[in-house]
C-alpha atoms as a PDB file:
ATOM      1  CA  UNK A   1       0.000   0.000   0.000  1.00  0.00           C
ATOM      2  CA  UNK A   2       1.532   3.296  -1.138  1.00  0.00           C
ATOM      3  CA  UNK A   3      -0.029   5.260   1.722  1.00  0.00           C
ATOM      4  CA  UNK A   4       1.522   2.948   4.309  1.00  0.00           C
ATOM      5  CA  UNK A   5       4.932   3.105   2.652  1.00  0.00           C
ATOM      6  CA  UNK A   6       4.817   6.891   2.561  1.00  0.00           C
ATOM      7  CA  UNK A   7       3.715   6.970   6.191  1.00  0.00           C
ATOM      8  CA  UNK A   8       6.543   4.647   7.221  1.00  0.00           C
ATOM      9  CA  UNK A   9       9.065   6.795   5.395  1.00  0.00           C
ATOM     10  CA  UNK A  10       7.781  10.022   6.961  1.00  0.00           C
ATOM     11  CA  UNK A  11       7.645   8.433  10.396  1.00  0.00           C
ATOM     12  CA  UNK A  12      11.271   7.253  10.115  1.00  0.00           C
ATOM     13  CA  UNK A  13      12.475  10.679   9.011  1.00  0.00           C
ATOM     14  CA  UNK A  14      10.475  12.403  11.727  1.00  0.00           C
ATOM     15  CA  UNK A  15      11.789   9.981  14.351  1.00  0.00           C
ATOM     16  CA  UNK A  16      15.374  10.806  13.358  1.00  0.00           C
ATOM     17  CA  UNK A  17      14.537  14.509  13.454  1.00  0.00           C
ATOM     18  CA  UNK A  18      12.947  14.214  16.905  1.00  0.00           C
ATOM     19  CA  UNK A  19      15.904  12.194  18.229  1.00  0.00           C
ATOM     20  CA  UNK A  20      18.218  14.931  17.018  1.00  0.00           C
ATOM     21  CA  UNK A  21      16.017  17.643  18.526  1.00  0.00           C
ATOM     22  CA  UNK A  22      15.593  15.931  21.915  1.00  0.00           C
ATOM     23  CA  UNK A  23      19.144  14.604  22.329  1.00  0.00           C
ATOM     24  CA  UNK A  24      19.775  16.761  25.425  1.00  0.00           C
ATOM     25  CA  UNK A  25      16.553  15.786  27.196  1.00  0.00           C
ATOM     26  CA  UNK A  26      15.969  13.016  29.710  1.00  0.00           C
ATOM     27  CA  UNK A  27      14.592   9.633  28.585  1.00  0.00           C
ATOM     28  CA  UNK A  28      11.048  10.416  29.710  1.00  0.00           C
ATOM     29  CA  UNK A  29      10.945  13.627  27.669  1.00  0.00           C
ATOM     30  CA  UNK A  30      12.502  11.869  24.651  1.00  0.00           C
ATOM     31  CA  UNK A  31       9.799   9.195  24.775  1.00  0.00           C
ATOM     32  CA  UNK A  32       7.089  11.842  25.007  1.00  0.00           C
ATOM     33  CA  UNK A  33       8.530  13.713  22.013  1.00  0.00           C
ATOM     34  CA  UNK A  34       8.718  10.502  19.996  1.00  0.00           C
ATOM     35  CA  UNK A  35       5.131   9.569  20.853  1.00  0.00           C
ATOM     36  CA  UNK A  36       3.898  13.016  19.896  1.00  0.00           C
ATOM     37  CA  UNK A  37       5.802  12.772  16.606  1.00  0.00           C
ATOM     38  CA  UNK A  38       4.214   9.423  15.792  1.00  0.00           C
ATOM     39  CA  UNK A  39       0.738  10.750  16.586  1.00  0.00           C
ATOM     40  CA  UNK A  40       1.343  13.790  14.398  1.00  0.00           C
ATOM     41  CA  UNK A  41       2.419  11.639  11.453  1.00  0.00           C
ATOM     42  CA  UNK A  42      -0.677   9.464  11.738  1.00  0.00           C
ATOM     43  CA  UNK A  43      -2.887  12.561  11.746  1.00  0.00           C
ATOM     44  CA  UNK A  44      -0.950  14.187   8.908  1.00  0.00           C
ATOM     45  CA  UNK A  45      -1.383  11.122   6.696  1.00  0.00           C
ATOM     46  CA  UNK A  46      -5.018  12.092   6.351  1.00  0.00           C
ATOM     47  CA  UNK A  47      -3.801  15.014   4.230  1.00  0.00           C
ATOM     48  CA  UNK A  48      -2.102  12.861   1.587  1.00  0.00           C
ATOM     49  CA  UNK A  49      -3.198  13.788  -1.899  1.00  0.00           C
ATOM     50  CA  UNK A  50      -3.089  11.714  -5.050  1.00  0.00           C
ATOM     51  CA  UNK A  51      -0.890  13.665  -7.472  1.00  0.00           C
ATOM     52  CA  UNK A  52      -1.270  11.207 -10.330  1.00  0.00           C
ATOM     53  CA  UNK A  53      -2.170   7.646 -11.224  1.00  0.00           C
ATOM     54  CA  UNK A  54      -1.866   5.381 -14.216  1.00  0.00           C
ATOM     55  CA  UNK A  55      -2.989   1.860 -15.063  1.00  0.00           C
ATOM     56  CA  UNK A  56      -1.147  -0.075 -17.743  1.00  0.00           C
ATOM     57  CA  UNK A  57      -1.846  -3.445 -19.324  1.00  0.00           C
ATOM     58  CA  UNK A  58       1.067  -5.517 -20.560  1.00  0.00           C
ATOM     59  CA  UNK A  59       0.905  -7.650 -23.690  1.00  0.00           C
ATOM     60  CA  UNK A  60       0.561 -10.776 -21.564  1.00  0.00           C
ATOM     61  CA  UNK A  61      -2.688  -9.410 -20.106  1.00  0.00           C
ATOM     62  CA  UNK A  62      -1.316  -8.443 -16.681  1.00  0.00           C
ATOM     63  CA  UNK A  63      -1.847  -5.000 -15.256  1.00  0.00           C
ATOM     64  CA  UNK A  64       0.355  -2.636 -13.313  1.00  0.00           C
ATOM     65  CA  UNK A  65      -0.975   0.361 -11.448  1.00  0.00           C
ATOM     66  CA  UNK A  66       1.188   3.367 -10.544  1.00  0.00           C
ATOM     67  CA  UNK A  67       0.136   6.012  -8.069  1.00  0.00           C
ATOM     68  CA  UNK A  68       1.934   9.156  -6.976  1.00  0.00           C
ATOM     69  CA  UNK A  69       1.093  10.503  -3.527  1.00  0.00           C
ATOM     70  CA  UNK A  70       2.135  13.819  -2.072  1.00  0.00           C
ATOM     71  CA  UNK A  71       2.018  15.511   1.294  1.00  0.00           C
ATOM     72  CA  UNK A  72       3.076  18.987   2.321  1.00  0.00           C
ATOM     73  CA  UNK A  73       6.166  18.501   4.516  1.00  0.00           C
ATOM     74  CA  UNK A  74       5.981  22.039   5.898  1.00  0.00           C
ATOM     75  CA  UNK A  75       2.408  21.414   7.007  1.00  0.00           C
ATOM     76  CA  UNK A  76       3.489  18.220   8.824  1.00  0.00           C
ATOM     77  CA  UNK A  77       6.327  20.028  10.595  1.00  0.00           C
ATOM     78  CA  UNK A  78       4.107  22.988  11.495  1.00  0.00           C
ATOM     79  CA  UNK A  79       1.520  20.636  12.983  1.00  0.00           C
ATOM     80  CA  UNK A  80       4.244  18.950  15.008  1.00  0.00           C
ATOM     81  CA  UNK A  81       5.589  22.305  16.172  1.00  0.00           C
ATOM     82  CA  UNK A  82       2.109  23.413  17.274  1.00  0.00           C
ATOM     83  CA  UNK A  83       1.492  20.155  19.144  1.00  0.00           C
ATOM     84  CA  UNK A  84       4.834  20.421  20.915  1.00  0.00           C
ATOM     85  CA  UNK A  85       4.074  23.976  21.958  1.00  0.00           C
ATOM     86  CA  UNK A  86       0.632  22.953  23.264  1.00  0.00           C
ATOM     87  CA  UNK A  87       1.849  19.913  25.198  1.00  0.00           C
ATOM     88  CA  UNK A  88       2.081  21.231  28.775  1.00  0.00           C
ATOM     89  CA  UNK A  89       4.651  18.782  30.124  1.00  0.00           C
ATOM     90  CA  UNK A  90       6.977  19.273  27.180  1.00  0.00           C
ATOM     91  CA  UNK A  91       6.434  23.003  26.825  1.00  0.00           C
ATOM     92  CA  UNK A  92       8.960  23.724  29.562  1.00  0.00           C
ATOM     93  CA  UNK A  93      11.679  22.191  27.416  1.00  0.00           C
ATOM     94  CA  UNK A  94      10.359  23.118  23.974  1.00  0.00           C
ATOM     95  CA  UNK A  95      12.635  25.539  22.145  1.00  0.00           C
ATOM     96  CA  UNK A  96      10.706  26.800  19.122  1.00  0.00           C
ATOM     97  CA  UNK A  97      13.725  28.534  17.551  1.00  0.00           C
ATOM     98  CA  UNK A  98      15.918  25.420  17.804  1.00  0.00           C
ATOM     99  CA  UNK A  99      13.088  23.339  16.365  1.00  0.00           C
ATOM    100  CA  UNK A 100      12.753  25.686  13.386  1.00  0.00           C
ATOM    101  CA  UNK A 101      16.513  25.764  12.801  1.00  0.00           C
ATOM    102  CA  UNK A 102      16.664  21.952  12.708  1.00  0.00           C
ATOM    103  CA  UNK A 103      13.546  21.792  10.518  1.00  0.00           C
ATOM    104  CA  UNK A 104      15.014  24.241   8.014  1.00  0.00           C
ATOM    105  CA  UNK A 105      18.312  22.334   7.982  1.00  0.00           C
ATOM    106  CA  UNK A 106      16.439  19.083   7.271  1.00  0.00           C
ATOM    107  CA  UNK A 107      14.513  20.736   4.437  1.00  0.00           C
ATOM    108  CA  UNK A 108      17.767  22.085   2.979  1.00  0.00           C
ATOM    109  CA  UNK A 109      19.403  18.657   3.196  1.00  0.00           C
ATOM    110  CA  UNK A 110      16.387  17.086   1.502  1.00  0.00           C
ATOM    111  CA  UNK A 111      16.482  19.683  -1.293  1.00  0.00           C
ATOM    112  CA  UNK A 112      20.190  19.073  -1.879  1.00  0.00           C
ATOM    113  CA  UNK A 113      19.635  15.301  -2.101  1.00  0.00           C
ATOM    114  CA  UNK A 114      17.094  15.765  -4.873  1.00  0.00           C
END
């Protein structure tokens, strides 16, 4: 399922991002950040859009179906940022500027890889 694969990929990238962000926090806070990240990804997956699809039939009669899904990465990160800021127990440790700096660095790295 393309949606599940995309979700798994986003979740893995977000987990790495959150581990980087929360590296100086205690284990309890790290776990809370990770859980909030996972929840955010699951909610964000509702906003996946189908960018294109195509169904082809081969000469042997078999079919192959291609689908292209897209999701706004900035929207996902903004939702995560808002949830972190709203979470009372984490808010004491939440550094919005550091979060944005890491987010922008991740976006830049992603753009350079493309």
